[in-house]
Amino acid sequence: SWLFSEEIPVREEEVQPFESVLDAVFYQEPVPIHLLYRLSDLTADQMTSFLAGWQVLPDERRRVVVQHMADISEENYVVDFGPLFAEFLQDGFTPVRVAALEGLWDSSSTRHIEPITRLLQDDESVDVKAAAAAALAHYVMMAEWGELPQRISPPIVAALLAVYEEPETAVSVKRAALEALAASAHPRVPDLIDEAYEHEDPEMQLSAVFAMGNTADPRWMSVILDEMQSHSDAMRAEAARAAGVIGKSDSVPELAELTMDEAIEVRMAAVYALGQIGGERPQEILAAILADPDQEELHEMAEEAMEEMMWMGGELDLLDFAGDDDESEFYEN
């Protein structure tokens, strides 16, 4: 019958032999991004084939492919390019090592910690060192949250501290190291943040405020609220982001103001922070933004913030439901 006259299309990449996938990934212009998914979970033989062809590719081709893979990893939690990224950490071309570190930023595999730490300590590139510190931040955070063993954290924190305190360490590396250290419970973190906040370099001051957020410690709220009035767009955005991470509702009036800021980066940061804080007033503010056609550039971010809030709210509703009236008041903001 006509209902069955058309064949169900088979996705080309599901039937393409691996060798022809590699040929396309290595040489086709532009890079066939849909085929990069085939590089997830390679067998040992496939890995050998890949590396044999990979090593003779031009620097720029390798960079473009790894950057696309890192971008895919950020959006897609099913693919696993981890073993390939581990190989790319040894690449002779600096931008490839940086892109591989970006690809590993949310990995929970502890086998990457040692090679990433070595890059932080020994790589000749400032960009690689900074990217390595940023990748290690995720491991520190996971250990603090109990999602990875606590024992992995002290050696990472020690390495970050040592690099931070070397006088010749570049500012970009110090910034990334401080931001990573902030998630740890190391007793020196508050002093390091204070020092960075008083630093003459505005970039270090930005990282100090970022780090304040990463500590999730409300002690920094007065500084963060002050910086929401900063003359610097970047600082107002950073302060909004930090307020969202800390999650205290007393920053909501200032964040509401920042949703009307002249700088789009500040407006976006404020909208997302409101979603992280949650509660009735942030929900009203986000709903008003979504209903306002003049704020269309914020709509996508406001939708994301609402989703975040509903997800968090769902958890809180379960808690409310489990308790009596007195207990439920405890969970409201």
Protein backbone atom coordinates (compact mmCIF):
# COMPACT_ATOMS: atom_id res chain seq x y z
CA SER A 1 0.00 0.00 0.00
CA TRP A 2 1.04 3.67 -0.37
CA LEU A 3 1.56 3.85 3.37
CA PHE A 4 4.61 1.60 3.05
CA SER A 5 5.85 2.75 -0.36
CA GLU A 6 8.70 4.88 1.04
CA GLU A 7 11.63 3.27 2.77
CA ILE A 8 12.59 4.59 6.18
CA PRO A 9 15.79 6.56 5.55
CA VAL A 10 18.91 5.08 7.11
CA ARG A 11 21.34 7.65 8.47
CA GLU A 12 24.39 7.68 6.25
CA GLU A 13 26.86 7.70 9.17
CA GLU A 14 25.32 4.53 10.63
CA VAL A 15 26.35 2.46 7.61
CA GLN A 16 29.51 4.23 6.44
CA PRO A 17 32.61 2.08 7.06
CA PHE A 18 34.95 3.50 9.69
CA GLU A 19 37.85 3.96 7.25
CA SER A 20 35.70 6.17 5.01
CA VAL A 21 34.50 8.09 8.10
CA LEU A 22 38.15 8.80 8.93
CA ASP A 23 38.88 9.83 5.36
CA ALA A 24 36.01 12.37 5.48
CA VAL A 25 36.92 13.64 8.97
CA PHE A 26 40.55 14.12 7.94
CA TYR A 27 40.17 15.59 4.46
CA GLN A 28 36.60 16.63 3.57
CA GLU A 29 35.88 20.38 3.35
CA PRO A 30 34.23 21.63 5.45
CA VAL A 31 34.72 19.18 8.33
CA PRO A 32 31.67 16.83 8.34
CA ILE A 33 30.59 17.53 11.91
CA HIS A 34 27.88 14.82 11.92
CA LEU A 35 30.59 12.17 11.38
CA LEU A 36 32.59 13.28 14.43
CA TYR A 37 30.04 11.45 16.61
CA ARG A 38 31.49 8.20 15.19
CA LEU A 39 34.73 8.98 17.07
CA SER A 40 32.98 8.31 20.39
CA ASP A 41 33.81 5.05 22.22
CA LEU A 42 36.40 3.81 19.70
CA THR A 43 37.65 0.22 19.78
CA ALA A 44 41.41 -0.33 20.15
CA ASP A 45 41.73 -1.05 16.40
CA GLN A 46 39.76 2.07 15.49
CA MET A 47 41.96 4.15 17.81
CA THR A 48 45.09 2.80 16.10
CA SER A 49 43.66 3.65 12.65
CA PHE A 50 42.64 7.10 13.81
CA LEU A 51 46.03 7.99 15.30
CA ALA A 52 47.94 6.72 12.25
CA GLY A 53 46.07 9.13 9.98
CA TRP A 54 45.83 11.93 12.55
CA GLN A 55 49.56 12.40 13.05
CA VAL A 56 50.19 13.46 9.45
CA LEU A 57 47.38 16.05 9.28
CA PRO A 58 48.25 19.77 9.12
CA ASP A 59 48.15 21.69 12.42
CA GLU A 60 45.13 23.77 11.45
CA ARG A 61 43.05 20.76 10.40
CA ARG A 62 43.78 19.05 13.72
CA ARG A 63 42.82 22.21 15.60
CA VAL A 64 39.50 22.59 13.76
CA VAL A 65 38.52 18.94 14.30
CA VAL A 66 39.39 18.98 18.03
CA GLN A 67 37.56 22.29 18.55
CA HIS A 68 34.42 20.82 16.95
CA MET A 69 34.74 17.74 19.18
CA ALA A 70 35.08 19.95 22.27
CA ASP A 71 31.97 21.89 21.22
CA ILE A 72 30.03 18.64 20.75
CA SER A 73 31.13 17.43 24.22
CA GLU A 74 29.80 20.59 25.80
CA GLU A 75 26.34 20.07 24.29
CA ASN A 76 26.09 16.28 24.30
CA TYR A 77 26.58 14.17 27.42
CA VAL A 78 26.28 10.84 25.61
CA VAL A 79 29.39 11.03 23.42
CA ASP A 80 32.71 10.12 24.99
CA PHE A 81 35.78 11.51 23.27
CA GLY A 82 37.81 11.23 26.51
CA PRO A 83 40.44 8.74 25.25
CA LEU A 84 41.02 10.89 22.15
CA PHE A 85 41.23 14.12 24.16
CA ALA A 86 43.83 12.36 26.36
CA GLU A 87 45.91 11.69 23.22
CA PHE A 88 45.47 15.28 22.05
CA LEU A 89 46.91 16.61 25.34
CA GLN A 90 50.31 15.52 23.97
CA ASP A 91 49.86 17.25 20.59
CA GLY A 92 52.73 19.48 19.48
CA PHE A 93 50.39 22.30 18.38
CA THR A 94 49.34 24.51 21.31
CA PRO A 95 45.75 25.28 20.15
CA VAL A 96 45.07 21.52 19.90
CA ARG A 97 46.14 21.01 23.52
CA VAL A 98 43.94 23.95 24.60
CA ALA A 99 40.91 22.58 22.71
CA ALA A 100 41.47 19.10 24.21
CA LEU A 101 41.50 20.60 27.71
CA GLU A 102 38.25 22.43 26.91
CA GLY A 103 36.81 19.08 25.81
CA LEU A 104 37.74 17.52 29.16
CA TRP A 105 36.38 20.35 31.33
CA ASP A 106 33.40 18.29 32.55
CA SER A 107 34.97 14.83 32.48
CA SER A 108 34.50 12.76 35.62
CA SER A 109 37.27 10.31 34.69
CA THR A 110 40.04 10.62 37.27
CA ARG A 111 42.63 9.17 34.86
CA HIS A 112 42.91 12.59 33.21
CA ILE A 113 43.93 14.39 36.42
CA GLU A 114 47.63 13.54 36.30
CA PRO A 115 48.27 14.55 32.65
CA ILE A 116 46.24 17.75 33.10
CA THR A 117 48.22 18.60 36.26
CA ARG A 118 51.49 18.04 34.36
CA LEU A 119 50.36 20.52 31.69
CA LEU A 120 49.51 23.06 34.41
CA GLN A 121 53.00 22.68 35.88
CA ASP A 122 55.22 22.16 32.85
CA ASP A 123 53.67 23.31 29.57
CA GLU A 124 55.50 26.20 27.92
CA SER A 125 52.22 27.81 26.78
CA VAL A 126 50.38 30.23 29.06
CA ASP A 127 47.12 29.38 27.26
CA VAL A 128 47.58 25.67 27.96
CA LYS A 129 48.42 26.29 31.63
CA ALA A 130 45.29 28.45 32.06
CA ALA A 131 43.09 25.86 30.30
CA ALA A 132 44.58 23.11 32.49
CA ALA A 133 43.74 25.06 35.66
CA ALA A 134 40.18 25.56 34.39
CA ALA A 135 39.84 21.82 33.65
CA LEU A 136 41.09 20.95 37.15
CA ALA A 137 38.46 23.26 38.68
CA HIS A 138 35.78 20.76 37.66
CA TYR A 139 37.50 17.94 39.56
CA VAL A 140 37.84 20.08 42.69
CA MET A 141 34.14 20.93 42.51
CA MET A 142 33.09 17.30 41.94
CA ALA A 143 35.13 16.20 44.97
CA GLU A 144 33.56 18.95 47.11
CA TRP A 145 30.07 17.85 46.01
CA GLY A 146 30.86 14.23 46.86
CA GLU A 147 30.54 13.09 43.23
CA LEU A 148 34.21 12.04 43.14
CA PRO A 149 36.37 10.71 45.99
CA GLN A 150 37.50 13.47 48.37
CA ARG A 151 41.09 12.18 48.21
CA ILE A 152 41.58 13.45 44.63
CA SER A 153 41.26 17.07 45.72
CA PRO A 154 44.33 17.77 47.96
CA PRO A 155 47.00 17.03 45.28
CA ILE A 156 45.12 19.18 42.73
CA VAL A 157 44.72 22.02 45.23
CA ALA A 158 48.43 21.79 46.15
CA ALA A 159 49.42 22.02 42.47
CA LEU A 160 47.09 24.98 41.87
CA LEU A 161 48.40 26.79 44.95
CA ALA A 162 52.04 26.23 43.94
CA VAL A 163 51.43 27.63 40.44
CA TYR A 164 49.41 30.54 41.84
CA GLU A 165 52.24 31.54 44.15
CA GLU A 166 55.08 31.41 41.62
CA PRO A 167 56.07 35.06 41.02
CA GLU A 168 56.55 34.50 37.27
CA THR A 169 53.11 32.92 36.72
CA ALA A 170 51.13 34.87 34.10
CA VAL A 171 47.98 36.70 35.21
CA SER A 172 45.73 34.54 32.99
CA VAL A 173 47.06 31.40 34.71
CA LYS A 174 46.75 32.94 38.20
CA ARG A 175 43.15 33.88 37.40
CA ALA A 176 42.23 30.34 36.33
CA ALA A 177 44.04 28.86 39.34
CA LEU A 178 42.22 31.15 41.78
CA GLU A 179 38.84 30.37 40.21
CA ALA A 180 39.62 26.65 40.55
CA LEU A 181 40.86 26.96 44.14
CA ALA A 182 37.69 28.82 45.17
CA ALA A 183 35.60 25.65 44.96
CA SER A 184 37.88 23.91 47.47
CA ALA A 185 37.54 24.17 51.23
CA HIS A 186 41.21 25.15 51.59
CA PRO A 187 41.61 27.56 54.53
CA ARG A 188 43.71 29.99 52.49
CA VAL A 189 41.01 30.64 49.89
CA PRO A 190 39.38 33.69 51.61
CA ASP A 191 42.76 35.45 51.93
CA LEU A 192 43.66 34.66 48.33
CA ILE A 193 40.34 36.13 47.17
CA ASP A 194 40.89 39.26 49.29
CA GLU A 195 44.38 39.72 47.83
CA ALA A 196 43.12 39.25 44.27
CA TYR A 197 40.26 41.69 44.86
CA GLU A 198 42.80 44.34 45.96
CA HIS A 199 45.10 43.58 42.99
CA GLU A 200 45.96 46.46 40.64
CA ASP A 201 44.99 44.39 37.58
CA PRO A 202 41.22 44.67 36.86
CA GLU A 203 41.33 41.14 35.38
CA MET A 204 42.44 39.73 38.75
CA GLN A 205 39.62 41.66 40.43
CA LEU A 206 37.14 40.01 38.03
CA SER A 207 38.48 36.59 38.94
CA ALA A 208 38.23 37.47 42.64
CA VAL A 209 34.50 38.13 42.22
CA PHE A 210 34.10 34.97 40.12
CA ALA A 211 35.87 33.07 42.92
CA MET A 212 33.55 34.63 45.53
CA GLY A 213 30.65 33.01 43.68
CA ASN A 214 32.45 29.67 43.41
CA THR A 215 32.91 29.51 47.19
CA ALA A 216 29.08 29.62 47.53
CA ASP A 217 29.77 31.53 50.76
CA PRO A 218 27.27 34.33 51.60
CA ARG A 219 30.05 36.25 53.41
CA TRP A 220 30.93 37.79 50.02
CA MET A 221 27.44 39.12 49.25
CA SER A 222 28.12 42.73 50.35
CA VAL A 223 31.09 42.98 47.95
CA ILE A 224 29.10 41.34 45.16
CA LEU A 225 26.17 43.73 45.64
CA ASP A 226 28.59 46.69 45.54
CA GLU A 227 30.14 45.43 42.30
CA MET A 228 26.72 45.27 40.65
CA GLN A 229 27.04 49.08 40.57
CA SER A 230 30.53 48.97 38.99
CA HIS A 231 31.40 51.19 36.01
CA SER A 232 32.77 48.09 34.27
CA ASP A 233 30.33 46.01 32.21
CA ALA A 234 32.46 42.91 32.77
CA MET A 235 32.43 43.42 36.54
CA ARG A 236 28.65 43.94 36.70
CA ALA A 237 28.19 40.72 34.71
CA GLU A 238 30.62 38.84 36.95
CA ALA A 239 28.87 40.12 40.08
CA ALA A 240 25.49 38.99 38.72
CA ARG A 241 26.89 35.55 37.93
CA ALA A 242 28.41 35.26 41.43
CA ALA A 243 25.10 36.27 43.05
CA GLY A 244 23.32 33.53 41.11
CA VAL A 245 25.81 30.88 42.22
CA ILE A 246 25.53 31.90 45.89
CA GLY A 247 21.74 31.91 45.48
CA LYS A 248 20.68 34.37 48.20
CA SER A 249 17.34 36.10 47.57
CA ASP A 250 18.57 39.44 48.96
CA SER A 251 20.32 40.08 45.61
CA VAL A 252 17.05 39.88 43.63
CA PRO A 253 16.24 43.65 43.60
CA GLU A 254 19.72 44.47 42.22
CA LEU A 255 19.51 41.65 39.68
CA ALA A 256 16.11 42.95 38.56
CA GLU A 257 17.80 46.31 37.87
CA LEU A 258 20.57 44.60 35.92
CA THR A 259 18.05 42.91 33.59
CA MET A 260 17.63 46.42 32.16
CA ASP A 261 21.38 47.20 32.03
CA GLU A 262 22.82 48.91 28.96
CA ALA A 263 25.20 45.96 28.34
CA ILE A 264 23.73 42.75 26.91
CA GLU A 265 26.30 40.56 28.75
CA VAL A 266 25.10 42.04 32.05
CA ARG A 267 21.42 41.57 31.20
CA MET A 268 22.04 37.92 30.24
CA ALA A 269 24.02 37.20 33.42
CA ALA A 270 21.31 38.79 35.58
CA VAL A 271 18.54 36.79 33.91
CA TYR A 272 20.36 33.50 34.40
CA ALA A 273 21.19 34.37 38.02
CA LEU A 274 17.50 34.95 38.76
CA GLY A 275 16.77 31.43 37.51
CA GLN A 276 19.43 30.02 39.83
CA ILE A 277 18.03 31.87 42.85
CA GLY A 278 14.42 30.94 42.14
CA GLY A 279 11.33 31.89 44.09
CA GLU A 280 8.24 33.95 43.39
CA ARG A 281 9.81 37.34 42.63
CA PRO A 282 12.44 36.04 40.16
CA GLN A 283 9.68 34.07 38.44
CA GLU A 284 7.60 37.25 38.04
CA ILE A 285 10.60 39.15 36.63
CA LEU A 286 11.40 36.40 34.12
CA ALA A 287 7.75 36.08 33.07
CA ALA A 288 7.64 39.85 32.45
CA ILE A 289 10.77 39.62 30.28
CA LEU A 290 9.27 36.76 28.25
CA ALA A 291 6.06 38.76 27.74
CA ASP A 292 7.96 41.86 26.54
CA PRO A 293 8.63 41.88 22.77
CA ASP A 294 11.22 44.64 23.28
CA GLN A 295 13.34 42.20 25.29
CA GLU A 296 13.41 39.49 22.64
CA GLU A 297 17.21 39.15 22.85
CA LEU A 298 16.75 37.92 26.44
CA HIS A 299 13.93 35.47 25.71
CA GLU A 300 16.09 32.40 25.10
CA MET A 301 18.10 33.01 28.28
CA ALA A 302 14.91 33.72 30.26
CA GLU A 303 13.43 30.40 29.07
CA GLU A 304 16.59 28.59 30.19
CA ALA A 305 16.41 30.36 33.56
CA MET A 306 12.75 29.37 33.96
CA GLU A 307 13.62 25.75 33.18
CA GLU A 308 16.39 25.82 35.78
CA MET A 309 13.97 27.32 38.30
CA MET A 310 11.25 24.75 37.60
CA TRP A 311 13.74 21.90 37.93
CA MET A 312 14.95 23.28 41.27
CA GLY A 313 11.37 24.12 42.24
CA GLY A 314 10.32 20.55 41.55
CA GLU A 315 12.85 19.35 44.08
CA LEU A 316 11.66 21.91 46.63
CA ASP A 317 8.00 21.02 46.04
CA LEU A 318 8.82 17.42 46.94
CA LEU A 319 10.39 18.64 50.15
CA ASP A 320 7.37 20.85 50.89
CA PHE A 321 5.03 17.95 50.28
CA ALA A 322 7.02 15.73 52.64
CA GLY A 323 6.84 18.15 55.57
CA ASP A 324 4.11 19.84 57.56
CA ASP A 325 3.25 23.54 57.27
CA ASP A 326 5.97 24.68 59.67
CA GLU A 327 8.63 22.73 57.85
CA SER A 328 7.50 23.89 54.44
CA GLU A 329 8.14 27.52 55.41
CA PHE A 330 11.76 26.54 55.98
CA TYR A 331 12.16 25.60 52.32
CA GLU A 332 10.78 28.80 50.87
CA ASN A 333 13.88 30.67 49.74
